[in-house]
């Protein structure tokens, strides 16, 4: 059984997270603040905000970052990879999840988007 996990204010037709059995799938999160405004700064500031948004979407499902088993990251410029990794590592300091990272153009003028899958067995 699938359960959509939602919060108000979304301007796009998606759920920030969906629980399917023991897994929680977090939609791609972008570096926007609570008002939907892209945060200023380079890849480090945008990666930090994006991961905070991943953390917030996980919290809606009662999950934490340490339950993340897989991430998929898109960065708009491969030259940002080192700075991206520097911030990313602070969110997964031990036993980081499996990850795929690609360089691609994004839908809006941002530098990063990250989606995640968490393993969160129901009590």
N, C-alpha and C. Protein backbone atom coordinates (compact mmCIF):
# COMPACT_ATOMS: atom_id res chain seq x y z
N UNK A 1 0.84 -1.18 0.00
CA UNK A 1 0.00 0.00 0.00
C UNK A 1 0.88 1.24 0.00
N UNK A 2 0.48 2.23 -0.76
CA UNK A 2 1.24 3.46 -0.88
C UNK A 2 0.53 4.58 -0.15
N UNK A 3 1.30 5.41 0.53
CA UNK A 3 0.73 6.55 1.23
C UNK A 3 1.49 7.80 0.82
N UNK A 4 0.76 8.76 0.24
CA UNK A 4 1.38 10.03 -0.12
C UNK A 4 1.54 10.87 1.13
N UNK A 5 2.67 11.53 1.22
CA UNK A 5 2.97 12.40 2.36
C UNK A 5 3.08 13.79 1.80
N UNK A 6 2.23 14.70 2.26
CA UNK A 6 2.17 16.02 1.65
C UNK A 6 2.34 17.13 2.67
N UNK A 7 2.65 18.29 2.14
CA UNK A 7 2.63 19.52 2.92
C UNK A 7 2.12 20.62 2.02
N UNK A 8 1.65 21.69 2.61
CA UNK A 8 1.07 22.78 1.83
C UNK A 8 2.12 23.56 1.08
N UNK A 9 1.66 24.35 0.14
CA UNK A 9 2.54 25.28 -0.53
C UNK A 9 3.23 24.78 -1.78
N UNK A 10 3.06 23.51 -2.13
CA UNK A 10 3.73 23.02 -3.32
C UNK A 10 3.07 23.61 -4.56
N UNK A 11 3.89 24.06 -5.49
CA UNK A 11 3.38 24.65 -6.73
C UNK A 11 3.49 23.67 -7.89
N UNK A 12 3.87 22.44 -7.62
CA UNK A 12 4.01 21.44 -8.67
C UNK A 12 3.22 20.19 -8.28
N UNK A 13 2.78 19.42 -9.27
CA UNK A 13 1.95 18.25 -8.99
C UNK A 13 2.77 17.03 -8.55
N UNK A 14 3.23 17.06 -7.30
CA UNK A 14 3.96 15.92 -6.76
C UNK A 14 3.84 15.91 -5.24
N UNK A 15 4.14 14.77 -4.66
CA UNK A 15 4.21 14.65 -3.21
C UNK A 15 5.68 14.75 -2.83
N UNK A 16 5.99 15.46 -1.74
CA UNK A 16 7.40 15.53 -1.35
C UNK A 16 7.95 14.16 -0.97
N UNK A 17 7.08 13.28 -0.46
CA UNK A 17 7.50 11.93 -0.10
C UNK A 17 6.31 11.00 -0.22
N UNK A 18 6.62 9.74 -0.51
CA UNK A 18 5.59 8.70 -0.60
C UNK A 18 6.12 7.47 0.12
N UNK A 19 5.31 6.91 1.02
CA UNK A 19 5.68 5.65 1.68
C UNK A 19 5.08 4.51 0.89
N UNK A 20 5.92 3.52 0.59
CA UNK A 20 5.49 2.30 -0.06
C UNK A 20 6.05 1.15 0.77
N UNK A 21 5.21 0.61 1.64
CA UNK A 21 5.68 -0.44 2.55
C UNK A 21 6.71 0.11 3.51
N UNK A 22 7.87 -0.50 3.52
CA UNK A 22 8.94 -0.09 4.43
C UNK A 22 9.88 0.96 3.83
N UNK A 23 9.56 1.44 2.64
CA UNK A 23 10.41 2.43 1.99
C UNK A 23 9.70 3.77 1.86
N UNK A 24 10.48 4.84 1.99
CA UNK A 24 9.98 6.19 1.77
C UNK A 24 10.78 6.78 0.62
N UNK A 25 10.07 7.24 -0.39
CA UNK A 25 10.68 7.82 -1.58
C UNK A 25 10.48 9.33 -1.52
N UNK A 26 11.57 10.07 -1.52
CA UNK A 26 11.53 11.53 -1.46
C UNK A 26 11.73 12.07 -2.87
N UNK A 27 10.77 12.88 -3.31
CA UNK A 27 10.89 13.52 -4.62
C UNK A 27 12.12 14.41 -4.66
N UNK A 28 12.58 14.70 -5.85
CA UNK A 28 13.73 15.59 -6.00
C UNK A 28 13.50 16.91 -5.29
N UNK A 29 14.42 17.24 -4.41
CA UNK A 29 14.35 18.48 -3.65
C UNK A 29 15.33 19.47 -4.25
N UNK A 30 14.96 20.73 -4.20
CA UNK A 30 15.77 21.79 -4.79
C UNK A 30 16.10 22.83 -3.72
N UNK A 31 17.03 23.74 -4.01
CA UNK A 31 17.50 24.69 -3.00
C UNK A 31 16.59 25.91 -2.83
N UNK A 32 15.36 25.66 -2.42
CA UNK A 32 14.45 26.76 -2.16
C UNK A 32 14.16 26.85 -0.67
N UNK A 33 13.87 28.07 -0.21
CA UNK A 33 13.53 28.26 1.19
C UNK A 33 12.04 27.99 1.40
N UNK A 34 11.53 28.24 2.59
CA UNK A 34 10.13 27.96 2.92
C UNK A 34 9.15 28.75 2.07
N UNK A 35 9.61 29.85 1.48
CA UNK A 35 8.75 30.68 0.62
C UNK A 35 8.87 30.30 -0.86
N UNK A 36 9.66 29.26 -1.15
CA UNK A 36 9.82 28.83 -2.53
C UNK A 36 10.83 29.63 -3.32
N UNK A 37 11.65 30.42 -2.62
CA UNK A 37 12.66 31.25 -3.28
C UNK A 37 14.00 30.52 -3.29
N UNK A 38 14.65 30.50 -4.44
CA UNK A 38 15.96 29.86 -4.55
C UNK A 38 16.94 30.60 -3.65
N UNK A 39 17.67 29.84 -2.82
CA UNK A 39 18.62 30.47 -1.91
C UNK A 39 19.80 31.03 -2.69
N UNK A 40 20.30 32.18 -2.26
CA UNK A 40 21.46 32.76 -2.94
C UNK A 40 22.72 31.98 -2.60
N UNK A 41 23.74 32.15 -3.40
CA UNK A 41 25.01 31.50 -3.13
C UNK A 41 25.31 30.44 -4.16
N UNK A 42 26.46 29.86 -4.01
CA UNK A 42 26.93 28.85 -4.96
C UNK A 42 26.48 27.46 -4.60
N UNK A 43 27.21 26.49 -5.10
CA UNK A 43 26.85 25.08 -4.94
C UNK A 43 26.80 24.66 -3.48
N UNK A 44 27.69 25.19 -2.63
CA UNK A 44 27.69 24.78 -1.22
C UNK A 44 26.41 25.21 -0.52
N UNK A 45 26.02 26.46 -0.67
CA UNK A 45 24.79 26.95 -0.04
C UNK A 45 23.58 26.22 -0.60
N UNK A 46 23.58 25.99 -1.91
CA UNK A 46 22.43 25.32 -2.51
C UNK A 46 22.37 23.85 -2.14
N UNK A 47 23.50 23.19 -2.02
CA UNK A 47 23.50 21.79 -1.58
C UNK A 47 23.00 21.69 -0.15
N UNK A 48 23.45 22.58 0.71
CA UNK A 48 23.00 22.58 2.11
C UNK A 48 21.48 22.74 2.19
N UNK A 49 20.92 23.71 1.47
CA UNK A 49 19.48 23.94 1.50
C UNK A 49 18.72 22.75 0.93
N UNK A 50 19.24 22.18 -0.15
CA UNK A 50 18.59 21.03 -0.76
C UNK A 50 18.54 19.85 0.21
N UNK A 51 19.64 19.60 0.91
CA UNK A 51 19.66 18.50 1.87
C UNK A 51 18.79 18.80 3.09
N UNK A 52 18.68 20.06 3.47
CA UNK A 52 17.73 20.41 4.54
C UNK A 52 16.30 20.13 4.08
N UNK A 53 16.03 20.36 2.80
CA UNK A 53 14.70 20.06 2.27
C UNK A 53 14.45 18.56 2.20
N UNK A 54 15.48 17.78 1.87
CA UNK A 54 15.36 16.32 1.92
C UNK A 54 15.05 15.89 3.35
N UNK A 55 15.78 16.45 4.31
CA UNK A 55 15.56 16.13 5.72
C UNK A 55 14.13 16.45 6.14
N UNK A 56 13.61 17.59 5.70
CA UNK A 56 12.24 18.00 6.05
C UNK A 56 11.20 17.06 5.43
N UNK A 57 11.42 16.65 4.18
CA UNK A 57 10.49 15.71 3.54
C UNK A 57 10.52 14.36 4.25
N UNK A 58 11.69 13.91 4.64
CA UNK A 58 11.80 12.66 5.40
C UNK A 58 11.06 12.76 6.74
N UNK A 59 11.19 13.90 7.40
CA UNK A 59 10.54 14.09 8.70
C UNK A 59 9.03 13.97 8.58
N UNK A 60 8.46 14.40 7.46
CA UNK A 60 7.02 14.26 7.25
C UNK A 60 6.58 12.80 7.32
N UNK A 61 7.50 11.91 6.96
CA UNK A 61 7.22 10.47 6.99
C UNK A 61 7.76 9.81 8.26
N UNK A 62 8.23 10.63 9.20
CA UNK A 62 8.77 10.08 10.44
C UNK A 62 10.14 9.46 10.27
N UNK A 63 10.89 9.91 9.27
CA UNK A 63 12.22 9.34 8.99
C UNK A 63 13.31 10.36 9.25
N UNK A 64 14.53 9.85 9.30
CA UNK A 64 15.71 10.70 9.47
C UNK A 64 16.73 10.38 8.38
N UNK A 65 17.72 11.23 8.28
CA UNK A 65 18.75 11.07 7.25
C UNK A 65 19.52 9.75 7.41
N UNK A 66 19.64 9.24 8.63
CA UNK A 66 20.39 8.00 8.81
C UNK A 66 19.64 6.78 8.27
N UNK A 67 18.40 6.95 7.86
CA UNK A 67 17.63 5.86 7.25
C UNK A 67 17.71 5.88 5.72
N UNK A 68 18.37 6.88 5.17
CA UNK A 68 18.50 6.98 3.71
C UNK A 68 19.46 5.90 3.22
N UNK A 69 19.00 5.13 2.22
CA UNK A 69 19.82 4.06 1.66
C UNK A 69 20.30 4.36 0.26
N UNK A 70 19.66 5.35 -0.41
CA UNK A 70 20.03 5.68 -1.79
C UNK A 70 19.68 7.12 -2.08
N UNK A 71 20.57 7.82 -2.75
CA UNK A 71 20.27 9.15 -3.24
C UNK A 71 20.59 9.23 -4.72
N UNK A 72 19.94 10.17 -5.37
CA UNK A 72 20.21 10.48 -6.76
C UNK A 72 20.39 11.98 -6.82
N UNK A 73 21.57 12.43 -7.22
CA UNK A 73 21.87 13.85 -7.24
C UNK A 73 22.14 14.31 -8.66
N UNK A 74 21.61 15.48 -8.97
CA UNK A 74 21.85 16.12 -10.25
C UNK A 74 22.52 17.46 -9.97
N UNK A 75 23.69 17.67 -10.56
CA UNK A 75 24.33 18.97 -10.45
C UNK A 75 24.42 19.56 -11.85
N UNK A 76 24.31 20.88 -11.93
CA UNK A 76 24.27 21.52 -13.25
C UNK A 76 25.65 21.75 -13.85
N UNK A 77 26.70 21.60 -13.04
CA UNK A 77 28.06 21.82 -13.54
C UNK A 77 29.01 20.86 -12.84
N UNK A 78 29.60 19.95 -13.59
CA UNK A 78 30.49 18.93 -13.01
C UNK A 78 31.67 19.55 -12.28
N UNK A 79 32.02 20.78 -12.60
CA UNK A 79 33.13 21.44 -11.89
C UNK A 79 32.77 21.72 -10.44
N UNK A 80 31.49 21.65 -10.09
CA UNK A 80 31.04 21.85 -8.71
C UNK A 80 31.08 20.57 -7.87
N UNK A 81 31.48 19.46 -8.48
CA UNK A 81 31.40 18.16 -7.82
C UNK A 81 32.15 18.12 -6.49
N UNK A 82 33.35 18.65 -6.43
CA UNK A 82 34.14 18.63 -5.19
C UNK A 82 33.46 19.41 -4.07
N UNK A 83 32.98 20.60 -4.36
CA UNK A 83 32.30 21.42 -3.36
C UNK A 83 30.98 20.79 -2.94
N UNK A 84 30.28 20.19 -3.90
CA UNK A 84 29.05 19.46 -3.59
C UNK A 84 29.34 18.33 -2.61
N UNK A 85 30.37 17.53 -2.90
CA UNK A 85 30.74 16.40 -2.05
C UNK A 85 31.10 16.85 -0.63
N UNK A 86 31.77 17.98 -0.53
CA UNK A 86 32.18 18.50 0.78
C UNK A 86 30.97 18.72 1.68
N UNK A 87 29.93 19.34 1.16
CA UNK A 87 28.71 19.58 1.94
C UNK A 87 27.92 18.28 2.13
N UNK A 88 27.77 17.51 1.07
CA UNK A 88 27.03 16.25 1.12
C UNK A 88 27.56 15.35 2.24
N UNK A 89 28.86 15.26 2.35
CA UNK A 89 29.49 14.39 3.35
C UNK A 89 29.12 14.77 4.77
N UNK A 90 28.83 16.04 5.02
CA UNK A 90 28.46 16.46 6.38
C UNK A 90 27.08 15.95 6.78
N UNK A 91 26.25 15.62 5.81
CA UNK A 91 24.90 15.10 6.10
C UNK A 91 24.90 13.59 6.25
N UNK A 92 25.95 12.93 5.78
CA UNK A 92 26.07 11.49 5.87
C UNK A 92 27.49 11.16 6.36
N UNK A 93 27.81 11.53 7.62
CA UNK A 93 29.19 11.40 8.11
C UNK A 93 29.68 9.96 8.28
N UNK A 94 28.76 9.03 8.52
CA UNK A 94 29.15 7.62 8.62
C UNK A 94 28.19 6.79 7.78
N UNK A 95 28.69 5.76 7.20
CA UNK A 95 27.90 4.86 6.37
C UNK A 95 26.98 5.61 5.41
N UNK A 96 27.56 6.37 4.47
CA UNK A 96 26.72 7.12 3.52
C UNK A 96 25.91 6.17 2.64
N UNK A 97 24.78 6.65 2.15
CA UNK A 97 23.95 5.81 1.28
C UNK A 97 24.60 5.60 -0.08
N UNK A 98 24.10 4.63 -0.81
CA UNK A 98 24.49 4.48 -2.21
C UNK A 98 24.05 5.76 -2.92
N UNK A 99 24.81 6.16 -3.95
CA UNK A 99 24.47 7.41 -4.61
C UNK A 99 24.83 7.36 -6.08
N UNK A 100 24.00 8.01 -6.87
CA UNK A 100 24.31 8.28 -8.27
C UNK A 100 24.33 9.79 -8.41
N UNK A 101 25.33 10.32 -9.11
CA UNK A 101 25.41 11.76 -9.36
C UNK A 101 25.63 11.96 -10.85
N UNK A 102 24.83 12.84 -11.42
CA UNK A 102 24.97 13.16 -12.83
C UNK A 102 25.01 14.67 -13.02
N UNK A 103 25.55 15.07 -14.15
CA UNK A 103 25.52 16.48 -14.54
C UNK A 103 24.42 16.62 -15.59
N UNK A 104 23.53 17.59 -15.37
CA UNK A 104 22.45 17.83 -16.33
C UNK A 104 21.90 19.23 -16.13
N UNK A 105 21.26 19.72 -17.15
CA UNK A 105 20.53 20.98 -17.03
C UNK A 105 19.32 20.72 -16.15
N UNK A 106 18.99 21.66 -15.29
CA UNK A 106 17.84 21.51 -14.40
C UNK A 106 16.70 22.39 -14.89
N UNK A 107 15.51 22.14 -14.36
CA UNK A 107 14.30 22.81 -14.84
C UNK A 107 14.25 24.31 -14.54
N UNK A 108 14.89 24.71 -13.45
CA UNK A 108 14.96 26.12 -13.10
C UNK A 108 16.43 26.49 -12.91
N UNK A 109 16.73 27.74 -12.70
CA UNK A 109 18.12 28.19 -12.59
C UNK A 109 18.67 27.87 -11.20
N UNK A 110 19.02 26.60 -11.02
CA UNK A 110 19.60 26.12 -9.76
C UNK A 110 20.81 25.26 -10.10
N UNK A 111 21.58 24.94 -9.07
CA UNK A 111 22.80 24.16 -9.28
C UNK A 111 22.68 22.69 -8.88
N UNK A 112 21.61 22.33 -8.10
CA UNK A 112 21.54 20.97 -7.59
C UNK A 112 20.09 20.56 -7.31
N UNK A 113 19.83 19.27 -7.49
CA UNK A 113 18.57 18.64 -7.10
C UNK A 113 18.93 17.27 -6.55
N UNK A 114 18.27 16.86 -5.47
CA UNK A 114 18.57 15.56 -4.85
C UNK A 114 17.28 14.86 -4.48
N UNK A 115 17.19 13.58 -4.84
CA UNK A 115 16.09 12.74 -4.37
C UNK A 115 16.69 11.66 -3.48
N UNK A 116 15.84 11.02 -2.66
CA UNK A 116 16.34 10.04 -1.71
C UNK A 116 15.34 8.91 -1.51
N UNK A 117 15.87 7.76 -1.10
CA UNK A 117 15.05 6.62 -0.70
C UNK A 117 15.50 6.24 0.69
N UNK A 118 14.54 6.13 1.62
CA UNK A 118 14.85 5.72 2.99
C UNK A 118 14.21 4.37 3.28
N UNK A 119 14.91 3.55 4.04
CA UNK A 119 14.36 2.28 4.51
C UNK A 119 13.87 2.52 5.93
N UNK A 120 12.57 2.44 6.13
CA UNK A 120 11.97 2.78 7.41
C UNK A 120 10.86 1.80 7.74
N UNK A 121 11.24 0.60 8.25
CA UNK A 121 10.21 -0.39 8.56
C UNK A 121 9.15 0.15 9.51
N UNK A 122 7.92 -0.16 9.20
CA UNK A 122 6.83 0.26 10.08
C UNK A 122 6.89 -0.55 11.35
N UNK A 123 6.70 0.19 12.49
CA UNK A 123 6.78 -0.40 13.83
C UNK A 123 6.01 -1.64 13.97
